[in-house]
C-alpha cells in the first residue's frame, strides 16, 4: 500500500528487493500516492482501510481475519502459528 511505499527507503536492502522482484502499490486511505519510484507499478483499486499491521494485530488478539485474507493465506498463518 501507499503507506508502506512512504517508508520503503527505510527497509533493509530495499534496493536489492526492488531488483529481485516486481513491486506494486495501491493507494490506501490517508496515504496519497506521491512519486512512484522506477520499477514499481501503481495499481488502481477501490481503497480498503485494511493494513498488514491490522491483520497481524487481529490474529494476535484471536480476532477473525477470514474476510480480509484469502483462504490459503489464512491456512498458512494458522499452520505456522504466525503472529501469536
PDB file of N, CA and C in Angstrom:
ATOM      1  N   UNK A   1       0.816  -1.188   0.000  1.00  0.00           N
ATOM      2  CA  UNK A   1       0.000   0.000   0.000  1.00  0.00           C
ATOM      3  C   UNK A   1       0.859   1.250   0.000  1.00  0.00           C
ATOM      4  N   UNK A   2       0.215   2.377  -0.253  1.00  0.00           N
ATOM      5  CA  UNK A   2       0.941   3.644  -0.289  1.00  0.00           C
ATOM      6  C   UNK A   2       1.527   3.991   1.069  1.00  0.00           C
ATOM      7  N   UNK A   3       0.982   3.437   2.154  1.00  0.00           N
ATOM      8  CA  UNK A   3       1.569   3.660   3.477  1.00  0.00           C
ATOM      9  C   UNK A   3       2.940   3.002   3.563  1.00  0.00           C
ATOM     10  N   UNK A   4       3.075   1.793   3.038  1.00  0.00           N
ATOM     11  CA  UNK A   4       4.363   1.098   3.043  1.00  0.00           C
ATOM     12  C   UNK A   4       5.340   1.754   2.074  1.00  0.00           C
ATOM     13  N   UNK A   5       4.834   2.230   0.946  1.00  0.00           N
ATOM     14  CA  UNK A   5       5.693   2.896  -0.031  1.00  0.00           C
ATOM     15  C   UNK A   5       6.377   4.108   0.592  1.00  0.00           C
ATOM     16  N   UNK A   6       5.674   4.807   1.452  1.00  0.00           N
ATOM     17  CA  UNK A   6       6.232   6.001   2.092  1.00  0.00           C
ATOM     18  C   UNK A   6       7.455   5.674   2.945  1.00  0.00           C
ATOM     19  N   UNK A   7       7.570   4.430   3.406  1.00  0.00           N
ATOM     20  CA  UNK A   7       8.698   4.046   4.260  1.00  0.00           C
ATOM     21  C   UNK A   7       9.691   3.125   3.545  1.00  0.00           C
ATOM     22  N   UNK A   8       9.508   2.925   2.248  1.00  0.00           N
ATOM     23  CA  UNK A   8      10.345   1.996   1.503  1.00  0.00           C
ATOM     24  C   UNK A   8      11.826   2.289   1.671  1.00  0.00           C
ATOM     25  N   UNK A   9      12.193   3.532   1.714  1.00  0.00           N
ATOM     26  CA  UNK A   9      13.618   3.887   1.822  1.00  0.00           C
ATOM     27  C   UNK A   9      14.227   3.439   3.150  1.00  0.00           C
ATOM     28  N   UNK A  10      13.400   3.114   4.133  1.00  0.00           N
ATOM     29  CA  UNK A  10      13.912   2.663   5.442  1.00  0.00           C
ATOM     30  C   UNK A  10      14.021   1.143   5.529  1.00  0.00           C
ATOM     31  N   UNK A  11      13.516   0.430   4.541  1.00  0.00           N
ATOM     32  CA  UNK A  11      13.551  -1.033   4.545  1.00  0.00           C
ATOM     33  C   UNK A  11      14.984  -1.514   4.376  1.00  0.00           C
ATOM     34  N   UNK A  12      15.317  -2.586   5.061  1.00  0.00           N
ATOM     35  CA  UNK A  12      16.626  -3.207   4.891  1.00  0.00           C
ATOM     36  C   UNK A  12      16.702  -3.767   3.465  1.00  0.00           C
ATOM     37  N   UNK A  13      17.763  -3.435   2.775  1.00  0.00           N
ATOM     38  CA  UNK A  13      18.039  -3.935   1.422  1.00  0.00           C
ATOM     39  C   UNK A  13      16.929  -3.602   0.428  1.00  0.00           C
ATOM     40  N   UNK A  14      16.326  -2.432   0.566  1.00  0.00           N
ATOM     41  CA  UNK A  14      15.229  -2.042  -0.326  1.00  0.00           C
ATOM     42  C   UNK A  14      15.659  -2.067  -1.788  1.00  0.00           C
ATOM     43  N   UNK A  15      16.839  -1.556  -2.084  1.00  0.00           N
ATOM     44  CA  UNK A  15      17.303  -1.542  -3.473  1.00  0.00           C
ATOM     45  C   UNK A  15      17.431  -2.959  -4.027  1.00  0.00           C
ATOM     46  N   UNK A  16      17.932  -3.869  -3.194  1.00  0.00           N
ATOM     47  CA  UNK A  16      18.081  -5.252  -3.638  1.00  0.00           C
ATOM     48  C   UNK A  16      16.711  -5.899  -3.862  1.00  0.00           C
ATOM     49  N   UNK A  17      15.768  -5.633  -2.953  1.00  0.00           N
ATOM     50  CA  UNK A  17      14.423  -6.176  -3.117  1.00  0.00           C
ATOM     51  C   UNK A  17      13.789  -5.692  -4.419  1.00  0.00           C
ATOM     52  N   UNK A  18      13.942  -4.412  -4.712  1.00  0.00           N
ATOM     53  CA  UNK A  18      13.382  -3.859  -5.944  1.00  0.00           C
ATOM     54  C   UNK A  18      14.018  -4.485  -7.180  1.00  0.00           C
ATOM     55  N   UNK A  19      15.272  -4.869  -7.053  1.00  0.00           N
ATOM     56  CA  UNK A  19      15.963  -5.506  -8.168  1.00  0.00           C
ATOM     57  C   UNK A  19      15.532  -6.967  -8.336  1.00  0.00           C
ATOM     58  N   UNK A  20      15.217  -7.633  -7.218  1.00  0.00           N
ATOM     59  CA  UNK A  20      14.928  -9.063  -7.244  1.00  0.00           C
ATOM     60  C   UNK A  20      13.489  -9.416  -7.613  1.00  0.00           C
ATOM     61  N   UNK A  21      12.562  -8.527  -7.324  1.00  0.00           N
ATOM     62  CA  UNK A  21      11.166  -8.896  -7.577  1.00  0.00           C
ATOM     63  C   UNK A  21      10.336  -7.658  -7.927  1.00  0.00           C
ATOM     64  N   UNK A  22       9.257  -7.890  -8.650  1.00  0.00           N
ATOM     65  CA  UNK A  22       8.396  -6.755  -9.014  1.00  0.00           C
ATOM     66  C   UNK A  22       7.615  -6.260  -7.803  1.00  0.00           C
ATOM     67  N   UNK A  23       7.444  -4.974  -7.712  1.00  0.00           N
ATOM     68  CA  UNK A  23       6.642  -4.358  -6.664  1.00  0.00           C
ATOM     69  C   UNK A  23       5.438  -3.692  -7.290  1.00  0.00           C
ATOM     70  N   UNK A  24       4.338  -3.707  -6.584  1.00  0.00           N
ATOM     71  CA  UNK A  24       3.137  -2.984  -6.996  1.00  0.00           C
ATOM     72  C   UNK A  24       2.608  -2.268  -5.767  1.00  0.00           C
ATOM     73  N   UNK A  25       2.019  -1.127  -5.968  1.00  0.00           N
ATOM     74  CA  UNK A  25       1.488  -0.357  -4.844  1.00  0.00           C
ATOM     75  C   UNK A  25       0.088   0.132  -5.193  1.00  0.00           C
ATOM     76  N   UNK A  26      -0.775   0.100  -4.187  1.00  0.00           N
ATOM     77  CA  UNK A  26      -2.131   0.627  -4.316  1.00  0.00           C
ATOM     78  C   UNK A  26      -2.302   1.707  -3.258  1.00  0.00           C
ATOM     79  N   UNK A  27      -3.094   2.699  -3.585  1.00  0.00           N
ATOM     80  CA  UNK A  27      -3.320   3.791  -2.635  1.00  0.00           C
ATOM     81  C   UNK A  27      -4.172   3.307  -1.470  1.00  0.00           C
ATOM     82  N   UNK A  28      -3.766   3.728  -0.262  1.00  0.00           N
ATOM     83  CA  UNK A  28      -4.541   3.432   0.944  1.00  0.00           C
ATOM     84  C   UNK A  28      -5.124   4.740   1.467  1.00  0.00           C
ATOM     85  N   UNK A  29      -6.301   4.686   2.072  1.00  0.00           N
ATOM     86  CA  UNK A  29      -6.910   5.901   2.617  1.00  0.00           C
ATOM     87  C   UNK A  29      -5.953   6.613   3.580  1.00  0.00           C
ATOM     88  N   UNK A  30      -5.818   7.910   3.392  1.00  0.00           N
ATOM     89  CA  UNK A  30      -4.969   8.712   4.264  1.00  0.00           C
ATOM     90  C   UNK A  30      -3.509   8.736   3.868  1.00  0.00           C
ATOM     91  N   UNK A  31      -3.145   8.004   2.826  1.00  0.00           N
ATOM     92  CA  UNK A  31      -1.761   7.947   2.358  1.00  0.00           C
ATOM     93  C   UNK A  31      -1.734   8.152   0.855  1.00  0.00           C
ATOM     94  N   UNK A  32      -1.857   9.406   0.405  1.00  0.00           N
ATOM     95  CA  UNK A  32      -1.878   9.647  -1.039  1.00  0.00           C
ATOM     96  C   UNK A  32      -0.569   9.202  -1.685  1.00  0.00           C
ATOM     97  N   UNK A  33      -0.681   8.710  -2.905  1.00  0.00           N
ATOM     98  CA  UNK A  33       0.494   8.267  -3.642  1.00  0.00           C
ATOM     99  C   UNK A  33       1.193   9.495  -4.200  1.00  0.00           C
ATOM    100  N   UNK A  34       2.447   9.627  -3.866  1.00  0.00           N
ATOM    101  CA  UNK A  34       3.262  10.703  -4.426  1.00  0.00           C
ATOM    102  C   UNK A  34       4.024  10.164  -5.623  1.00  0.00           C
ATOM    103  N   UNK A  35       5.288  10.467  -5.660  1.00  0.00           N
ATOM    104  CA  UNK A  35       6.144   9.968  -6.738  1.00  0.00           C
ATOM    105  C   UNK A  35       6.371   8.476  -6.526  1.00  0.00           C
ATOM    106  N   UNK A  36       6.170   7.706  -7.572  1.00  0.00           N
ATOM    107  CA  UNK A  36       6.382   6.262  -7.503  1.00  0.00           C
ATOM    108  C   UNK A  36       7.745   5.969  -8.127  1.00  0.00           C
ATOM    109  N   UNK A  37       8.638   5.349  -7.348  1.00  0.00           N
ATOM    110  CA  UNK A  37       9.975   5.063  -7.875  1.00  0.00           C
ATOM    111  C   UNK A  37       9.924   4.149  -9.103  1.00  0.00           C
ATOM    112  N   UNK A  38      10.960   4.245  -9.923  1.00  0.00           N
ATOM    113  CA  UNK A  38      11.079   3.358 -11.080  1.00  0.00           C
ATOM    114  C   UNK A  38      11.036   1.911 -10.616  1.00  0.00           C
ATOM    115  N   UNK A  39      10.399   1.070 -11.395  1.00  0.00           N
ATOM    116  CA  UNK A  39      10.340  -0.345 -11.077  1.00  0.00           C
ATOM    117  C   UNK A  39       9.151  -0.741 -10.222  1.00  0.00           C
ATOM    118  N   UNK A  40       8.348   0.227  -9.801  1.00  0.00           N
ATOM    119  CA  UNK A  40       7.152  -0.067  -9.003  1.00  0.00           C
ATOM    120  C   UNK A  40       5.933   0.293  -9.830  1.00  0.00           C
ATOM    121  N   UNK A  41       5.005  -0.624  -9.905  1.00  0.00           N
ATOM    122  CA  UNK A  41       3.786  -0.399 -10.681  1.00  0.00           C
ATOM    123  C   UNK A  41       2.665   0.065  -9.749  1.00  0.00           C
ATOM    124  N   UNK A  42       1.911   1.051 -10.183  1.00  0.00           N
ATOM    125  CA  UNK A  42       0.753   1.527  -9.434  1.00  0.00           C
ATOM    126  C   UNK A  42      -0.478   0.742  -9.865  1.00  0.00           C
ATOM    127  N   UNK A  43      -1.236   0.260  -8.898  1.00  0.00           N
ATOM    128  CA  UNK A  43      -2.459  -0.494  -9.170  1.00  0.00           C
ATOM    129  C   UNK A  43      -3.646   0.331  -8.688  1.00  0.00           C
ATOM    130  N   UNK A  44      -4.599   0.552  -9.549  1.00  0.00           N
ATOM    131  CA  UNK A  44      -5.808   1.281  -9.152  1.00  0.00           C
ATOM    132  C   UNK A  44      -6.823   0.291  -8.603  1.00  0.00           C
ATOM    133  N   UNK A  45      -7.124   0.428  -7.334  1.00  0.00           N
ATOM    134  CA  UNK A  45      -8.106  -0.417  -6.658  1.00  0.00           C
ATOM    135  C   UNK A  45      -9.047   0.463  -5.859  1.00  0.00           C
ATOM    136  N   UNK A  46     -10.192  -0.073  -5.531  1.00  0.00           N
ATOM    137  CA  UNK A  46     -11.041   0.622  -4.573  1.00  0.00           C
ATOM    138  C   UNK A  46     -10.340   0.533  -3.224  1.00  0.00           C
ATOM    139  N   UNK A  47     -10.044   1.674  -2.608  1.00  0.00           N
ATOM    140  CA  UNK A  47      -9.271   1.653  -1.360  1.00  0.00           C
ATOM    141  C   UNK A  47      -9.977   0.880  -0.242  1.00  0.00           C
ATOM    142  N   UNK A  48      -9.206   0.083   0.461  1.00  0.00           N
ATOM    143  CA  UNK A  48      -9.677  -0.626   1.644  1.00  0.00           C
ATOM    144  C   UNK A  48      -8.870  -0.116   2.821  1.00  0.00           C
ATOM    145  N   UNK A  49      -9.528   0.116   3.920  1.00  0.00           N
ATOM    146  CA  UNK A  49      -8.813   0.599   5.095  1.00  0.00           C
ATOM    147  C   UNK A  49      -8.371  -0.592   5.943  1.00  0.00           C
ATOM    148  N   UNK A  50      -7.561  -1.467   5.328  1.00  0.00           N
ATOM    149  CA  UNK A  50      -7.024  -2.649   5.990  1.00  0.00           C
ATOM    150  C   UNK A  50      -5.521  -2.655   5.723  1.00  0.00           C
ATOM    151  N   UNK A  51      -4.741  -2.811   6.780  1.00  0.00           N
ATOM    152  CA  UNK A  51      -3.292  -2.880   6.610  1.00  0.00           C
ATOM    153  C   UNK A  51      -2.780  -4.213   7.120  1.00  0.00           C
ATOM    154  N   UNK A  52      -1.569  -4.561   6.714  1.00  0.00           N
ATOM    155  CA  UNK A  52      -0.959  -5.802   7.212  1.00  0.00           C
ATOM    156  C   UNK A  52      -0.790  -5.732   8.722  1.00  0.00           C
ATOM    157  N   UNK A  53      -0.501  -4.548   9.241  1.00  0.00           N
ATOM    158  CA  UNK A  53      -0.368  -4.382  10.696  1.00  0.00           C
ATOM    159  C   UNK A  53      -1.688  -4.711  11.387  1.00  0.00           C
ATOM    160  N   UNK A  54      -2.795  -4.252  10.811  1.00  0.00           N
ATOM    161  CA  UNK A  54      -4.108  -4.543  11.398  1.00  0.00           C
ATOM    162  C   UNK A  54      -4.388  -6.042  11.381  1.00  0.00           C
ATOM    163  N   UNK A  55      -4.007  -6.712  10.294  1.00  0.00           N
ATOM    164  CA  UNK A  55      -4.210  -8.157  10.204  1.00  0.00           C
ATOM    165  C   UNK A  55      -3.386  -8.863  11.267  1.00  0.00           C
ATOM    166  N   UNK A  56      -2.110  -8.495  11.390  1.00  0.00           N
ATOM    167  CA  UNK A  56      -1.248  -9.119  12.406  1.00  0.00           C
ATOM    168  C   UNK A  56      -1.809  -8.893  13.811  1.00  0.00           C
ATOM    169  N   UNK A  57      -2.274  -7.684  14.099  1.00  0.00           N
ATOM    170  CA  UNK A  57      -2.834  -7.387  15.415  1.00  0.00           C
ATOM    171  C   UNK A  57      -4.077  -8.221  15.689  1.00  0.00           C
ATOM    172  N   UNK A  58      -4.962  -8.318  14.710  1.00  0.00           N
ATOM    173  CA  UNK A  58      -6.189  -9.099  14.906  1.00  0.00           C
ATOM    174  C   UNK A  58      -5.871 -10.572  15.159  1.00  0.00           C
ATOM    175  N   UNK A  59      -4.939 -11.124  14.385  1.00  0.00           N
ATOM    176  CA  UNK A  59      -4.561 -12.523  14.598  1.00  0.00           C
ATOM    177  C   UNK A  59      -3.990 -12.698  15.998  1.00  0.00           C
ATOM    178  N   UNK A  60      -3.126 -11.782  16.428  1.00  0.00           N
ATOM    179  CA  UNK A  60      -2.509 -11.911  17.756  1.00  0.00           C
ATOM    180  C   UNK A  60      -3.536 -11.794  18.874  1.00  0.00           C
ATOM    181  N   UNK A  61      -4.653 -11.115  18.593  1.00  0.00           N
ATOM    182  CA  UNK A  61      -5.729 -10.958  19.583  1.00  0.00           C
ATOM    183  C   UNK A  61      -6.794 -12.047  19.458  1.00  0.00           C
ATOM    184  N   UNK A  62      -6.590 -12.983  18.519  1.00  0.00           N
ATOM    185  CA  UNK A  62      -7.551 -14.058  18.326  1.00  0.00           C
ATOM    186  C   UNK A  62      -8.813 -13.636  17.596  1.00  0.00           C
ATOM    187  N   UNK A  63      -8.768 -12.485  16.929  1.00  0.00           N
ATOM    188  CA  UNK A  63      -9.927 -11.989  16.190  1.00  0.00           C
ATOM    189  C   UNK A  63      -9.893 -12.524  14.760  1.00  0.00           C
ATOM    190  N   UNK A  64     -11.053 -12.684  14.116  1.00  0.00           N
ATOM    191  CA  UNK A  64     -11.078 -13.239  12.758  1.00  0.00           C
ATOM    192  C   UNK A  64     -10.502 -12.292  11.711  1.00  0.00           C
ATOM    193  N   UNK A  65      -9.865 -12.880  10.715  1.00  0.00           N
ATOM    194  CA  UNK A  65      -9.362 -12.124   9.565  1.00  0.00           C
ATOM    195  C   UNK A  65      -9.774 -12.807   8.257  1.00  0.00           C
ATOM    196  N   UNK A  66     -10.664 -13.777   8.348  1.00  0.00           N
ATOM    197  CA  UNK A  66     -11.033 -14.554   7.163  1.00  0.00           C
ATOM    198  C   UNK A  66     -11.705 -13.721   6.081  1.00  0.00           C
ATOM    199  N   UNK A  67     -12.291 -12.585   6.438  1.00  0.00           N
ATOM    200  CA  UNK A  67     -12.867 -11.694   5.422  1.00  0.00           C
ATOM    201  C   UNK A  67     -11.809 -10.790   4.809  1.00  0.00           C
ATOM    202  N   UNK A  68     -10.618 -10.791   5.384  1.00  0.00           N
ATOM    203  CA  UNK A  68      -9.567  -9.868   4.960  1.00  0.00           C
ATOM    204  C   UNK A  68      -8.454 -10.535   4.165  1.00  0.00           C
ATOM    205  N   UNK A  69      -8.313 -11.852   4.274  1.00  0.00           N
ATOM    206  CA  UNK A  69      -7.224 -12.548   3.578  1.00  0.00           C
ATOM    207  C   UNK A  69      -7.786 -13.754   2.829  1.00  0.00           C
ATOM    208  N   UNK A  70      -7.140 -14.165   1.751  1.00  0.00           N
ATOM    209  CA  UNK A  70      -7.593 -15.362   1.030  1.00  0.00           C
ATOM    210  C   UNK A  70      -7.466 -16.614   1.912  1.00  0.00           C
ATOM    211  N   UNK A  71      -8.274 -17.635   1.636  1.00  0.00           N
ATOM    212  CA  UNK A  71      -8.220 -18.859   2.440  1.00  0.00           C
ATOM    213  C   UNK A  71      -6.822 -19.466   2.546  1.00  0.00           C
ATOM    214  N   UNK A  72      -6.048 -19.444   1.474  1.00  0.00           N
ATOM    215  CA  UNK A  72      -4.700 -20.024   1.519  1.00  0.00           C
ATOM    216  C   UNK A  72      -3.784 -19.249   2.464  1.00  0.00           C
ATOM    217  N   UNK A  73      -3.954 -17.942   2.522  1.00  0.00           N
ATOM    218  CA  UNK A  73      -3.149 -17.117   3.434  1.00  0.00           C
ATOM    219  C   UNK A  73      -3.533 -17.424   4.872  1.00  0.00           C
ATOM    220  N   UNK A  74      -4.820 -17.504   5.152  1.00  0.00           N
ATOM    221  CA  UNK A  74      -5.282 -17.828   6.498  1.00  0.00           C
ATOM    222  C   UNK A  74      -4.780 -19.216   6.914  1.00  0.00           C
ATOM    223  N   UNK A  75      -4.810 -20.181   6.005  1.00  0.00           N
ATOM    224  CA  UNK A  75      -4.318 -21.527   6.307  1.00  0.00           C
ATOM    225  C   UNK A  75      -2.822 -21.484   6.648  1.00  0.00           C
ATOM    226  N   UNK A  76      -2.057 -20.704   5.913  1.00  0.00           N
ATOM    227  CA  UNK A  76      -0.615 -20.582   6.168  1.00  0.00           C
ATOM    228  C   UNK A  76      -0.365 -19.939   7.530  1.00  0.00           C
ATOM    229  N   UNK A  77      -1.099 -18.884   7.846  1.00  0.00           N
ATOM    230  CA  UNK A  77      -0.960 -18.215   9.149  1.00  0.00           C
ATOM    231  C   UNK A  77      -1.233 -19.201  10.271  1.00  0.00           C
ATOM    232  N   UNK A  78      -2.305 -19.971  10.136  1.00  0.00           N
ATOM    233  CA  UNK A  78      -2.656 -20.966  11.177  1.00  0.00           C
ATOM    234  C   UNK A  78      -1.608 -22.069  11.257  1.00  0.00           C
ATOM    235  N   UNK A  79      -1.224 -22.609  10.100  1.00  0.00           N
ATOM    236  CA  UNK A  79      -0.286 -23.731  10.065  1.00  0.00           C
ATOM    237  C   UNK A  79       1.047 -23.379  10.714  1.00  0.00           C
ATOM    238  N   UNK A  80       1.499 -22.150  10.525  1.00  0.00           N
ATOM    239  CA  UNK A  80       2.800 -21.719  11.044  1.00  0.00           C
ATOM    240  C   UNK A  80       2.684 -20.918  12.336  1.00  0.00           C
ATOM    241  N   UNK A  81       1.474 -20.852  12.886  1.00  0.00           N
ATOM    242  CA  UNK A  81       1.227 -20.130  14.143  1.00  0.00           C
ATOM    243  C   UNK A  81       1.836 -18.725  14.124  1.00  0.00           C
ATOM    244  N   UNK A  82       1.591 -18.019  13.021  1.00  0.00           N
ATOM    245  CA  UNK A  82       2.136 -16.667  12.887  1.00  0.00           C
ATOM    246  C   UNK A  82       1.365 -15.670  13.738  1.00  0.00           C
ATOM    247  N   UNK A  83       2.064 -14.682  14.229  1.00  0.00           N
ATOM    248  CA  UNK A  83       1.509 -13.515  14.939  1.00  0.00           C
ATOM    249  C   UNK A  83       0.881 -13.874  16.284  1.00  0.00           C
ATOM    250  N   UNK A  84       1.164 -15.018  16.817  1.00  0.00           N
ATOM    251  CA  UNK A  84       0.601 -15.400  18.132  1.00  0.00           C
ATOM    252  C   UNK A  84       1.556 -15.046  19.239  1.00  0.00           C
TER     253      UNK A  84
END
